[in-house]
Amino acid sequence: MSHTLYETRIQRVQRCELAVPGSRPEMFEKALKSGVDFIFLDLEDAVAPDDKLSARKNIIQAINDLDWKGHGITLSVRINGLDTQYMVRDVVDLVEQAGHKIDTLLIPKVGVYPDVYMVEAMVNQLEMQQGLKNRIGLEALIETALGMANVEDIARHGTRGRLEALHFGVADYAASNRARTTNIGGLNPDYPGDQWHAAISRMTVACRAFGLRPIDGPFGDIQDPEGFKLAAKRAAALGCEGKWAIHPSQITLANEIFTPPATEVEKAKRILAALKEAAAQGKGAAALDGRLIDAASERMANNIVKMAEAIATK
């Protein structure tokens, strides 16, 4: 094992993240009661330019008026991009007026680490100005060719500050690469496999190398639950901790897939018990159900048990 190790910086249960447009305040209370782990109130793509200012006011009011923590929800806000006229006031107004109840800010279309640093510098000063006791985390959307080309650098430098997670934004990523796709997050039948595999895997490796949480983005066809489940299973197999929901019907599907099954948790506990017994006998490996298990098996089993415990605690 290398002497250079980056442990997960902040662990949060993030099996599903529900996107809620800031221009639709009638949806806020429904989202609050949806049973989702994570919500991001959206100021960016889901909000038309003419509604940006009112959406910001809606979100600030909702953050302050509704009991997000009481419903076990981690609360995030997706701000507008750094290339817009809205971003600066998004950050300032959110932190000044509701920063004490915000867990993270989600930065869209991050292309280089300085994009993250700019928002971080603003949050640093605003937290001091407001005397906030909580620390607002940052999450970054990797959804452009530039962002993916720099994903390792973004993750590496993010270990210095507030960055907690990277999200794969499949729609803008497809547009940036001029990829042919049939729907957001869906598979192109002309491609022999999963055309998103390499991108999600690269982002996930960057996250795991530098202690960040990898989260898969949206699946656009809300009438195709099986397609959503297959996309979520692929992301989970690659190591993602959760996936977005753009409709409440997708929450249960994501929670199911990103929650370790009881049989898997029980097997993981048996692996840990068998290796503990082997260690007491001076052995570094053991056999369980006819298969060799060793220190690598222990690390994989610990991941499953810890995730199950975090979900149970939530």
C-alpha atoms as a PDB file:
ATOM      1  CA  MET A   1       0.000   0.000   0.000  1.00  0.00           C
ATOM      2  CA  SER A   2       1.306   3.447  -0.877  1.00  0.00           C
ATOM      3  CA  HIS A   3       2.280   5.800   1.924  1.00  0.00           C
ATOM      4  CA  THR A   4       0.173   8.409   0.118  1.00  0.00           C
ATOM      5  CA  LEU A   5      -3.441   7.777   1.077  1.00  0.00           C
ATOM      6  CA  TYR A   6      -6.527   9.964   0.756  1.00  0.00           C
ATOM      7  CA  GLU A   7      -9.365   8.745   2.955  1.00  0.00           C
ATOM      8  CA  THR A   8     -12.923   9.734   2.085  1.00  0.00           C
ATOM      9  CA  ARG A   9     -13.076  13.323   3.275  1.00  0.00           C
ATOM     10  CA  ILE A  10     -16.729  13.501   4.276  1.00  0.00           C
ATOM     11  CA  GLN A  11     -18.994  10.458   4.199  1.00  0.00           C
ATOM     12  CA  ARG A  12     -22.658  11.139   3.470  1.00  0.00           C
ATOM     13  CA  VAL A  13     -25.459   8.778   2.534  1.00  0.00           C
ATOM     14  CA  GLN A  14     -26.160   9.778  -1.065  1.00  0.00           C
ATOM     15  CA  ARG A  15     -27.910   6.800  -2.677  1.00  0.00           C
ATOM     16  CA  CYS A  16     -30.282   9.102  -4.501  1.00  0.00           C
ATOM     17  CA  GLU A  17     -30.188  12.835  -5.151  1.00  0.00           C
ATOM     18  CA  LEU A  18     -33.451  14.442  -6.196  1.00  0.00           C
ATOM     19  CA  ALA A  19     -33.296  17.446  -8.508  1.00  0.00           C
ATOM     20  CA  VAL A  20     -35.941  20.090  -7.750  1.00  0.00           C
ATOM     21  CA  PRO A  21     -36.256  23.225  -9.922  1.00  0.00           C
ATOM     22  CA  GLY A  22     -36.121  26.460  -7.959  1.00  0.00           C
ATOM     23  CA  SER A  23     -38.850  27.869 -10.191  1.00  0.00           C
ATOM     24  CA  ARG A  24     -41.313  25.224  -8.942  1.00  0.00           C
ATOM     25  CA  PRO A  25     -41.847  26.042  -5.233  1.00  0.00           C
ATOM     26  CA  GLU A  26     -44.970  23.873  -5.135  1.00  0.00           C
ATOM     27  CA  MET A  27     -42.611  20.880  -5.446  1.00  0.00           C
ATOM     28  CA  PHE A  28     -40.453  21.701  -2.420  1.00  0.00           C
ATOM     29  CA  GLU A  29     -42.634  20.245   0.321  1.00  0.00           C
ATOM     30  CA  LYS A  30     -43.363  17.125  -1.734  1.00  0.00           C
ATOM     31  CA  ALA A  31     -39.621  16.623  -2.165  1.00  0.00           C
ATOM     32  CA  LEU A  32     -39.143  17.100   1.571  1.00  0.00           C
ATOM     33  CA  LYS A  33     -41.403  14.110   2.264  1.00  0.00           C
ATOM     34  CA  SER A  34     -40.127  11.903  -0.556  1.00  0.00           C
ATOM     35  CA  GLY A  35     -37.768   9.721   1.488  1.00  0.00           C
ATOM     36  CA  VAL A  36     -34.722  10.716  -0.549  1.00  0.00           C
ATOM     37  CA  ASP A  37     -31.246  11.015   1.007  1.00  0.00           C
ATOM     38  CA  PHE A  38     -30.126  14.159  -0.800  1.00  0.00           C
ATOM     39  CA  ILE A  39     -31.893  17.025  -2.551  1.00  0.00           C
ATOM     40  CA  PHE A  40     -30.455  19.725  -4.730  1.00  0.00           C
ATOM     41  CA  LEU A  41     -32.606  22.765  -5.330  1.00  0.00           C
ATOM     42  CA  ASP A  42     -31.726  23.860  -8.829  1.00  0.00           C
ATOM     43  CA  LEU A  43     -30.871  27.341 -10.063  1.00  0.00           C
ATOM     44  CA  GLU A  44     -29.194  26.229 -13.272  1.00  0.00           C
ATOM     45  CA  ASP A  45     -30.442  24.169 -16.228  1.00  0.00           C
ATOM     46  CA  ALA A  46     -33.946  23.478 -14.913  1.00  0.00           C
ATOM     47  CA  VAL A  47     -34.675  27.217 -14.562  1.00  0.00           C
ATOM     48  CA  ALA A  48     -35.370  29.511 -17.515  1.00  0.00           C
ATOM     49  CA  PRO A  49     -33.320  32.756 -17.670  1.00  0.00           C
ATOM     50  CA  ASP A  50     -36.351  34.935 -16.927  1.00  0.00           C
ATOM     51  CA  ASP A  51     -37.012  32.927 -13.748  1.00  0.00           C
ATOM     52  CA  LYS A  52     -33.488  32.894 -12.308  1.00  0.00           C
ATOM     53  CA  LEU A  53     -33.971  35.707  -9.779  1.00  0.00           C
ATOM     54  CA  SER A  54     -37.350  34.532  -8.527  1.00  0.00           C
ATOM     55  CA  ALA A  55     -36.044  30.961  -8.302  1.00  0.00           C
ATOM     56  CA  ARG A  56     -33.211  32.137  -6.074  1.00  0.00           C
ATOM     57  CA  LYS A  57     -35.690  33.860  -3.761  1.00  0.00           C
ATOM     58  CA  ASN A  58     -37.906  30.770  -3.731  1.00  0.00           C
ATOM     59  CA  ILE A  59     -35.001  28.563  -2.737  1.00  0.00           C
ATOM     60  CA  ILE A  60     -33.758  30.831   0.037  1.00  0.00           C
ATOM     61  CA  GLN A  61     -37.242  31.021   1.509  1.00  0.00           C
ATOM     62  CA  ALA A  62     -37.700  27.249   1.296  1.00  0.00           C
ATOM     63  CA  ILE A  63     -34.321  26.554   2.911  1.00  0.00           C
ATOM     64  CA  ASN A  64     -35.231  28.756   5.858  1.00  0.00           C
ATOM     65  CA  ASP A  65     -38.898  27.774   6.218  1.00  0.00           C
ATOM     66  CA  LEU A  66     -38.842  23.982   5.801  1.00  0.00           C
ATOM     67  CA  ASP A  67     -37.427  21.382   8.186  1.00  0.00           C
ATOM     68  CA  TRP A  68     -34.932  19.585   5.922  1.00  0.00           C
ATOM     69  CA  LYS A  69     -32.825  18.106   8.718  1.00  0.00           C
ATOM     70  CA  GLY A  70     -35.919  16.845  10.510  1.00  0.00           C
ATOM     71  CA  HIS A  71     -36.689  14.726   7.444  1.00  0.00           C
ATOM     72  CA  GLY A  72     -33.147  13.339   7.278  1.00  0.00           C
ATOM     73  CA  ILE A  73     -32.274  15.193   4.085  1.00  0.00           C
ATOM     74  CA  THR A  74     -28.876  16.521   3.101  1.00  0.00           C
ATOM     75  CA  LEU A  75     -29.539  19.800   1.321  1.00  0.00           C
ATOM     76  CA  SER A  76     -27.627  21.136  -1.663  1.00  0.00           C
ATOM     77  CA  VAL A  77     -28.169  23.953  -4.151  1.00  0.00           C
ATOM     78  CA  ARG A  78     -26.944  23.844  -7.740  1.00  0.00           C
ATOM     79  CA  ILE A  79     -25.737  27.337  -8.529  1.00  0.00           C
ATOM     80  CA  ASN A  80     -25.466  28.824 -12.000  1.00  0.00           C
ATOM     81  CA  GLY A  81     -22.268  28.440 -14.005  1.00  0.00           C
ATOM     82  CA  LEU A  82     -19.213  30.615 -13.598  1.00  0.00           C
ATOM     83  CA  ASP A  83     -19.734  31.924 -17.118  1.00  0.00           C
ATOM     84  CA  THR A  84     -23.111  33.490 -16.235  1.00  0.00           C
ATOM     85  CA  GLN A  85     -24.174  36.758 -14.668  1.00  0.00           C
ATOM     86  CA  TYR A  86     -26.025  34.894 -11.906  1.00  0.00           C
ATOM     87  CA  MET A  87     -23.321  32.861 -10.163  1.00  0.00           C
ATOM     88  CA  VAL A  88     -21.805  35.510  -7.884  1.00  0.00           C
ATOM     89  CA  ARG A  89     -25.146  36.629  -6.487  1.00  0.00           C
ATOM     90  CA  ASP A  90     -26.261  32.999  -6.174  1.00  0.00           C
ATOM     91  CA  VAL A  91     -23.374  32.264  -3.822  1.00  0.00           C
ATOM     92  CA  VAL A  92     -23.551  35.541  -1.902  1.00  0.00           C
ATOM     93  CA  ASP A  93     -27.311  35.496  -1.327  1.00  0.00           C
ATOM     94  CA  LEU A  94     -27.456  31.801  -0.483  1.00  0.00           C
ATOM     95  CA  VAL A  95     -24.670  31.914   2.083  1.00  0.00           C
ATOM     96  CA  GLU A  96     -25.664  35.263   3.588  1.00  0.00           C
ATOM     97  CA  GLN A  97     -29.363  34.460   3.872  1.00  0.00           C
ATOM     98  CA  ALA A  98     -29.489  30.695   4.327  1.00  0.00           C
ATOM     99  CA  GLY A  99     -25.930  29.428   4.752  1.00  0.00           C
ATOM    100  CA  HIS A 100     -26.599  27.991   8.203  1.00  0.00           C
ATOM    101  CA  LYS A 101     -28.923  25.366   6.675  1.00  0.00           C
ATOM    102  CA  ILE A 102     -27.035  24.502   3.473  1.00  0.00           C
ATOM    103  CA  ASP A 103     -24.890  21.360   3.404  1.00  0.00           C
ATOM    104  CA  THR A 104     -23.287  21.721  -0.039  1.00  0.00           C
ATOM    105  CA  LEU A 105     -23.228  23.829  -3.170  1.00  0.00           C
ATOM    106  CA  LEU A 106     -23.143  21.991  -6.501  1.00  0.00           C
ATOM    107  CA  ILE A 107     -20.994  23.716  -9.145  1.00  0.00           C
ATOM    108  CA  PRO A 108     -22.015  22.973 -12.743  1.00  0.00           C
ATOM    109  CA  LYS A 109     -19.751  22.437 -15.759  1.00  0.00           C
ATOM    110  CA  VAL A 110     -16.478  22.461 -13.874  1.00  0.00           C
ATOM    111  CA  GLY A 111     -13.684  22.409 -16.435  1.00  0.00           C
ATOM    112  CA  VAL A 112     -10.553  23.137 -14.387  1.00  0.00           C
ATOM    113  CA  TYR A 113      -9.757  23.207 -10.675  1.00  0.00           C
ATOM    114  CA  PRO A 114      -9.693  27.048 -10.517  1.00  0.00           C
ATOM    115  CA  ASP A 115     -13.478  26.921 -11.195  1.00  0.00           C
ATOM    116  CA  VAL A 116     -13.859  25.167  -7.835  1.00  0.00           C
ATOM    117  CA  TYR A 117     -11.337  27.459  -6.176  1.00  0.00           C
ATOM    118  CA  MET A 118     -13.257  30.572  -7.196  1.00  0.00           C
ATOM    119  CA  VAL A 119     -16.424  29.377  -5.469  1.00  0.00           C
ATOM    120  CA  GLU A 120     -14.443  28.120  -2.493  1.00  0.00           C
ATOM    121  CA  ALA A 121     -12.750  31.478  -1.980  1.00  0.00           C
ATOM    122  CA  MET A 122     -16.151  33.177  -1.972  1.00  0.00           C
ATOM    123  CA  VAL A 123     -17.618  30.690   0.508  1.00  0.00           C
ATOM    124  CA  ASN A 124     -14.581  31.007   2.789  1.00  0.00           C
ATOM    125  CA  GLN A 125     -15.045  34.756   3.109  1.00  0.00           C
ATOM    126  CA  LEU A 126     -18.819  34.623   3.372  1.00  0.00           C
ATOM    127  CA  GLU A 127     -18.695  32.029   6.152  1.00  0.00           C
ATOM    128  CA  MET A 128     -16.310  34.239   8.124  1.00  0.00           C
ATOM    129  CA  GLN A 129     -18.457  37.290   7.439  1.00  0.00           C
ATOM    130  CA  GLN A 130     -21.594  35.519   8.653  1.00  0.00           C
ATOM    131  CA  GLY A 131     -19.906  33.733  11.537  1.00  0.00           C
ATOM    132  CA  LEU A 132     -21.301  30.400  10.379  1.00  0.00           C
ATOM    133  CA  LYS A 133     -20.556  27.369  12.541  1.00  0.00           C
ATOM    134  CA  ASN A 134     -21.336  24.796   9.849  1.00  0.00           C
ATOM    135  CA  ARG A 135     -18.932  24.196   6.980  1.00  0.00           C
ATOM    136  CA  ILE A 136     -20.547  24.279   3.537  1.00  0.00           C
ATOM    137  CA  GLY A 137     -19.137  21.606   1.266  1.00  0.00           C
ATOM    138  CA  LEU A 138     -18.684  21.821  -2.486  1.00  0.00           C
ATOM    139  CA  GLU A 139     -19.568  19.294  -5.169  1.00  0.00           C
ATOM    140  CA  ALA A 140     -18.592  19.532  -8.823  1.00  0.00           C
ATOM    141  CA  LEU A 141     -20.349  18.404 -11.965  1.00  0.00           C
ATOM    142  CA  ILE A 142     -18.054  16.783 -14.517  1.00  0.00           C
ATOM    143  CA  GLU A 143     -20.112  17.292 -17.646  1.00  0.00           C
ATOM    144  CA  THR A 144     -17.818  18.638 -20.343  1.00  0.00           C
ATOM    145  CA  ALA A 145     -14.928  17.263 -22.335  1.00  0.00           C
ATOM    146  CA  LEU A 146     -12.656  19.787 -20.588  1.00  0.00           C
ATOM    147  CA  GLY A 147     -13.843  18.676 -17.160  1.00  0.00           C
ATOM    148  CA  MET A 148     -13.244  15.019 -17.948  1.00  0.00           C
ATOM    149  CA  ALA A 149      -9.834  15.781 -19.426  1.00  0.00           C
ATOM    150  CA  ASN A 150      -8.933  17.460 -16.114  1.00  0.00           C
ATOM    151  CA  VAL A 151     -10.887  15.254 -13.710  1.00  0.00           C
ATOM    152  CA  GLU A 152      -7.832  13.855 -11.915  1.00  0.00           C
ATOM    153  CA  ASP A 153      -6.406  17.346 -11.432  1.00  0.00           C
ATOM    154  CA  ILE A 154      -9.751  18.624 -10.119  1.00  0.00           C
ATOM    155  CA  ALA A 155     -10.001  15.744  -7.650  1.00  0.00           C
ATOM    156  CA  ARG A 156      -6.346  16.025  -6.564  1.00  0.00           C
ATOM    157  CA  HIS A 157      -6.468  19.734  -5.834  1.00  0.00           C
ATOM    158  CA  GLY A 158      -9.891  19.400  -4.260  1.00  0.00           C
ATOM    159  CA  THR A 159      -8.328  17.550  -1.343  1.00  0.00           C
ATOM    160  CA  ARG A 160      -7.023  20.912  -0.112  1.00  0.00           C
ATOM    161  CA  GLY A 161     -10.415  22.433   0.546  1.00  0.00           C
ATOM    162  CA  ARG A 162     -14.165  21.901   0.553  1.00  0.00           C
ATOM    163  CA  LEU A 163     -14.654  19.549  -2.394  1.00  0.00           C
ATOM    164  CA  GLU A 164     -16.574  16.417  -1.347  1.00  0.00           C
ATOM    165  CA  ALA A 165     -17.980  14.777  -4.464  1.00  0.00           C
ATOM    166  CA  LEU A 166     -17.940  14.661  -8.244  1.00  0.00           C
ATOM    167  CA  HIS A 167     -21.099  14.051 -10.295  1.00  0.00           C
ATOM    168  CA  PHE A 168     -21.249  12.752 -13.852  1.00  0.00           C
ATOM    169  CA  GLY A 169     -23.526  15.027 -15.917  1.00  0.00           C
ATOM    170  CA  VAL A 170     -24.281  12.811 -18.862  1.00  0.00           C
ATOM    171  CA  ALA A 171     -26.446  15.200 -20.916  1.00  0.00           C
ATOM    172  CA  ASP A 172     -24.016  18.099 -21.178  1.00  0.00           C
ATOM    173  CA  TYR A 173     -21.148  15.623 -21.459  1.00  0.00           C
ATOM    174  CA  ALA A 174     -22.806  14.096 -24.525  1.00  0.00           C
ATOM    175  CA  ALA A 175     -23.364  17.547 -26.003  1.00  0.00           C
ATOM    176  CA  SER A 176     -19.786  18.611 -25.279  1.00  0.00           C
ATOM    177  CA  ASN A 177     -18.444  15.512 -27.036  1.00  0.00           C
ATOM    178  CA  ARG A 178     -21.029  15.751 -29.836  1.00  0.00           C
ATOM    179  CA  ALA A 179     -21.973  12.208 -28.958  1.00  0.00           C
ATOM    180  CA  ARG A 180     -25.013  10.652 -30.566  1.00  0.00           C
ATOM    181  CA  THR A 181     -27.468   9.584 -27.917  1.00  0.00           C
ATOM    182  CA  THR A 182     -31.112   8.607 -27.878  1.00  0.00           C
ATOM    183  CA  ASN A 183     -31.991  10.019 -24.440  1.00  0.00           C
ATOM    184  CA  ILE A 184     -30.311  11.430 -21.353  1.00  0.00           C
ATOM    185  CA  GLY A 185     -28.264   8.625 -19.835  1.00  0.00           C
ATOM    186  CA  GLY A 186     -29.673   6.011 -22.189  1.00  0.00           C
ATOM    187  CA  LEU A 187     -27.696   3.708 -24.435  1.00  0.00           C
ATOM    188  CA  ASN A 188     -27.216   4.170 -28.165  1.00  0.00           C
ATOM    189  CA  PRO A 189     -28.119   0.921 -29.955  1.00  0.00           C
ATOM    190  CA  ASP A 190     -25.419   1.661 -32.545  1.00  0.00           C
ATOM    191  CA  TYR A 191     -22.726   1.396 -29.866  1.00  0.00           C
ATOM    192  CA  PRO A 192     -21.716  -2.151 -28.855  1.00  0.00           C
ATOM    193  CA  GLY A 193     -21.974  -1.655 -25.104  1.00  0.00           C
ATOM    194  CA  ASP A 194     -22.251   1.242 -22.670  1.00  0.00           C
ATOM    195  CA  GLN A 195     -20.849   4.442 -24.164  1.00  0.00           C
ATOM    196  CA  TRP A 196     -20.760   6.081 -20.691  1.00  0.00           C
ATOM    197  CA  HIS A 197     -18.679   3.337 -19.076  1.00  0.00           C
ATOM    198  CA  ALA A 198     -15.252   4.876 -19.677  1.00  0.00           C
ATOM    199  CA  ALA A 199     -16.279   8.341 -18.468  1.00  0.00           C
ATOM    200  CA  ILE A 200     -17.988   7.148 -15.291  1.00  0.00           C
ATOM    201  CA  SER A 201     -15.108   4.795 -14.543  1.00  0.00           C
ATOM    202  CA  ARG A 202     -12.527   7.546 -15.015  1.00  0.00           C
ATOM    203  CA  MET A 203     -14.410   9.933 -12.739  1.00  0.00           C
ATOM    204  CA  THR A 204     -14.935   7.221 -10.119  1.00  0.00           C
ATOM    205  CA  VAL A 205     -11.241   6.309 -10.082  1.00  0.00           C
ATOM    206  CA  ALA A 206     -10.337   9.991  -9.614  1.00  0.00           C
ATOM    207  CA  CYS A 207     -12.792  10.227  -6.724  1.00  0.00           C
ATOM    208  CA  ARG A 208     -11.582   7.079  -4.982  1.00  0.00           C
ATOM    209  CA  ALA A 209      -7.931   8.040  -5.438  1.00  0.00           C
ATOM    210  CA  PHE A 210      -8.445  11.388  -3.711  1.00  0.00           C
ATOM    211  CA  GLY A 211     -11.191  10.708  -1.154  1.00  0.00           C
ATOM    212  CA  LEU A 212     -14.257  12.094  -2.938  1.00  0.00           C
ATOM    213  CA  ARG A 213     -17.718  10.577  -3.420  1.00  0.00           C
ATOM    214  CA  PRO A 214     -18.609   9.605  -7.033  1.00  0.00           C
ATOM    215  CA  ILE A 215     -22.257  10.165  -7.994  1.00  0.00           C
ATOM    216  CA  ASP A 216     -23.927   9.241 -11.276  1.00  0.00           C
ATOM    217  CA  GLY A 217     -26.191  11.820 -12.914  1.00  0.00           C
ATOM    218  CA  PRO A 218     -29.639  11.729 -14.504  1.00  0.00           C
ATOM    219  CA  PHE A 219     -31.581   9.231 -16.569  1.00  0.00           C
ATOM    220  CA  GLY A 220     -34.017  11.223 -18.663  1.00  0.00           C
ATOM    221  CA  ASP A 221     -36.803   8.776 -19.557  1.00  0.00           C
ATOM    222  CA  ILE A 222     -39.059   8.681 -16.499  1.00  0.00           C
ATOM    223  CA  GLN A 223     -41.327   6.231 -18.350  1.00  0.00           C
ATOM    224  CA  ASP A 224     -38.520   3.652 -18.462  1.00  0.00           C
ATOM    225  CA  PRO A 225     -37.878   2.393 -14.919  1.00  0.00           C
ATOM    226  CA  GLU A 226     -36.009  -0.659 -16.191  1.00  0.00           C
ATOM    227  CA  GLY A 227     -33.648   1.555 -18.154  1.00  0.00           C
ATOM    228  CA  PHE A 228     -33.042   3.644 -15.025  1.00  0.00           C
ATOM    229  CA  LYS A 229     -32.332   0.529 -12.963  1.00  0.00           C
ATOM    230  CA  LEU A 230     -29.885  -0.827 -15.509  1.00  0.00           C
ATOM    231  CA  ALA A 231     -28.043   2.510 -15.635  1.00  0.00           C
ATOM    232  CA  ALA A 232     -27.938   2.634 -11.819  1.00  0.00           C
ATOM    233  CA  LYS A 233     -26.653  -0.938 -11.610  1.00  0.00           C
ATOM    234  CA  ARG A 234     -23.860  -0.164 -14.053  1.00  0.00           C
ATOM    235  CA  ALA A 235     -22.874   2.913 -12.044  1.00  0.00           C
ATOM    236  CA  ALA A 236     -22.986   0.970  -8.772  1.00  0.00           C
ATOM    237  CA  ALA A 237     -20.852  -1.796 -10.273  1.00  0.00           C
ATOM    238  CA  LEU A 238     -18.210   0.807 -11.158  1.00  0.00           C
ATOM    239  CA  GLY A 239     -18.180   2.192  -7.608  1.00  0.00           C
ATOM    240  CA  CYS A 240     -20.611   5.130  -7.643  1.00  0.00           C
ATOM    241  CA  GLU A 241     -22.386   5.761  -4.343  1.00  0.00           C
ATOM    242  CA  GLY A 242     -25.646   7.013  -5.805  1.00  0.00           C
ATOM    243  CA  LYS A 243     -27.566   8.461  -8.729  1.00  0.00           C
ATOM    244  CA  TRP A 244     -29.776  11.441  -9.461  1.00  0.00           C
ATOM    245  CA  ALA A 245     -33.533  11.286  -9.666  1.00  0.00           C
ATOM    246  CA  ILE A 246     -35.272  13.810 -11.893  1.00  0.00           C
ATOM    247  CA  HIS A 247     -38.695  12.474 -10.837  1.00  0.00           C
ATOM    248  CA  PRO A 248     -39.899  11.092  -7.488  1.00  0.00           C
ATOM    249  CA  SER A 249     -40.674   7.739  -9.149  1.00  0.00           C
ATOM    250  CA  GLN A 250     -36.925   7.161  -9.541  1.00  0.00           C
ATOM    251  CA  ILE A 251     -36.115   7.551  -5.830  1.00  0.00           C
ATOM    252  CA  THR A 252     -37.188   4.079  -4.726  1.00  0.00           C
ATOM    253  CA  LEU A 253     -35.333   2.532  -7.662  1.00  0.00           C
ATOM    254  CA  ALA A 254     -32.073   4.280  -6.771  1.00  0.00           C
ATOM    255  CA  ASN A 255     -32.401   3.566  -3.051  1.00  0.00           C
ATOM    256  CA  GLU A 256     -32.953  -0.109  -3.788  1.00  0.00           C
ATOM    257  CA  ILE A 257     -29.919  -0.448  -6.032  1.00  0.00           C
ATOM    258  CA  PHE A 258     -27.475   1.578  -3.945  1.00  0.00           C
ATOM    259  CA  THR A 259     -28.465  -0.101  -0.674  1.00  0.00           C
ATOM    260  CA  PRO A 260     -26.410  -3.266  -0.117  1.00  0.00           C
ATOM    261  CA  PRO A 261     -28.807  -6.261  -0.039  1.00  0.00           C
ATOM    262  CA  ALA A 262     -29.195  -7.978   3.319  1.00  0.00           C
ATOM    263  CA  THR A 263     -27.637 -11.158   1.903  1.00  0.00           C
ATOM    264  CA  GLU A 264     -24.603  -9.189   0.735  1.00  0.00           C
ATOM    265  CA  VAL A 265     -24.202  -7.522   4.138  1.00  0.00           C
ATOM    266  CA  GLU A 266     -24.508 -10.855   5.920  1.00  0.00           C
ATOM    267  CA  LYS A 267     -21.872 -12.412   3.665  1.00  0.00           C
ATOM    268  CA  ALA A 268     -19.559  -9.457   4.279  1.00  0.00           C
ATOM    269  CA  LYS A 269     -19.918  -9.944   8.034  1.00  0.00           C
ATOM    270  CA  ARG A 270     -19.157 -13.653   7.643  1.00  0.00           C
ATOM    271  CA  ILE A 271     -16.009 -12.773   5.687  1.00  0.00           C
ATOM    272  CA  LEU A 272     -14.852 -10.448   8.463  1.00  0.00           C
ATOM    273  CA  ALA A 273     -15.596 -13.067  11.119  1.00  0.00           C
ATOM    274  CA  ALA A 274     -13.766 -15.808   9.202  1.00  0.00           C
ATOM    275  CA  LEU A 275     -10.688 -13.637   8.692  1.00  0.00           C
ATOM    276  CA  LYS A 276     -10.678 -12.612  12.341  1.00  0.00           C
ATOM    277  CA  GLU A 277     -10.724 -16.274  13.316  1.00  0.00           C
ATOM    278  CA  ALA A 278      -7.935 -17.040  10.831  1.00  0.00           C
ATOM    279  CA  ALA A 279      -5.822 -14.196  12.210  1.00  0.00           C
ATOM    280  CA  ALA A 280      -6.207 -15.617  15.731  1.00  0.00           C
ATOM    281  CA  GLN A 281      -4.692 -18.830  14.348  1.00  0.00           C
ATOM    282  CA  GLY A 282      -1.814 -16.952  12.752  1.00  0.00           C
ATOM    283  CA  LYS A 283      -3.181 -17.236   9.229  1.00  0.00           C
ATOM    284  CA  GLY A 284      -3.423 -14.398   6.702  1.00  0.00           C
ATOM    285  CA  ALA A 285      -6.109 -16.016   4.576  1.00  0.00           C
ATOM    286  CA  ALA A 286      -9.085 -18.327   5.013  1.00  0.00           C
ATOM    287  CA  ALA A 287     -11.644 -20.306   3.061  1.00  0.00           C
ATOM    288  CA  LEU A 288     -15.329 -19.450   3.075  1.00  0.00           C
ATOM    289  CA  ASP A 289     -17.977 -21.254   1.042  1.00  0.00           C
ATOM    290  CA  GLY A 290     -15.232 -22.952  -0.938  1.00  0.00           C
ATOM    291  CA  ARG A 291     -13.483 -19.699  -1.891  1.00  0.00           C
ATOM    292  CA  LEU A 292     -10.246 -18.108  -0.750  1.00  0.00           C
ATOM    293  CA  ILE A 293     -10.596 -14.854   1.192  1.00  0.00           C
ATOM    294  CA  ASP A 294      -7.752 -12.594   2.263  1.00  0.00           C
ATOM    295  CA  ALA A 295      -6.906  -8.994   3.180  1.00  0.00           C
ATOM    296  CA  ALA A 296      -8.404  -7.661  -0.062  1.00  0.00           C
ATOM    297  CA  SER A 297     -11.626  -9.534   0.743  1.00  0.00           C
ATOM    298  CA  GLU A 298     -11.612  -7.862   4.149  1.00  0.00           C
ATOM    299  CA  ARG A 299     -11.352  -4.391   2.619  1.00  0.00           C
ATOM    300  CA  MET A 300     -14.233  -5.080   0.226  1.00  0.00           C
ATOM    301  CA  ALA A 301     -16.355  -6.530   3.039  1.00  0.00           C
ATOM    302  CA  ASN A 302     -15.647  -3.544   5.267  1.00  0.00           C
ATOM    303  CA  ASN A 303     -16.890  -1.191   2.516  1.00  0.00           C
ATOM    304  CA  ILE A 304     -20.223  -3.024   2.402  1.00  0.00           C
ATOM    305  CA  VAL A 305     -20.669  -3.187   6.171  1.00  0.00           C
ATOM    306  CA  LYS A 306     -19.798   0.482   6.670  1.00  0.00           C
ATOM    307  CA  MET A 307     -22.232   1.571   3.961  1.00  0.00           C
ATOM    308  CA  ALA A 308     -25.021  -0.545   5.466  1.00  0.00           C
ATOM    309  CA  GLU A 309     -24.317   0.924   8.910  1.00  0.00           C
ATOM    310  CA  ALA A 310     -24.389   4.490   7.541  1.00  0.00           C
ATOM    311  CA  ILE A 311     -27.741   3.854   5.859  1.00  0.00           C
ATOM    312  CA  ALA A 312     -29.158   2.245   8.998  1.00  0.00           C
ATOM    313  CA  THR A 313     -27.978   5.184  11.118  1.00  0.00           C
ATOM    314  CA  LYS A 314     -29.643   7.646   8.742  1.00  0.00           C
END
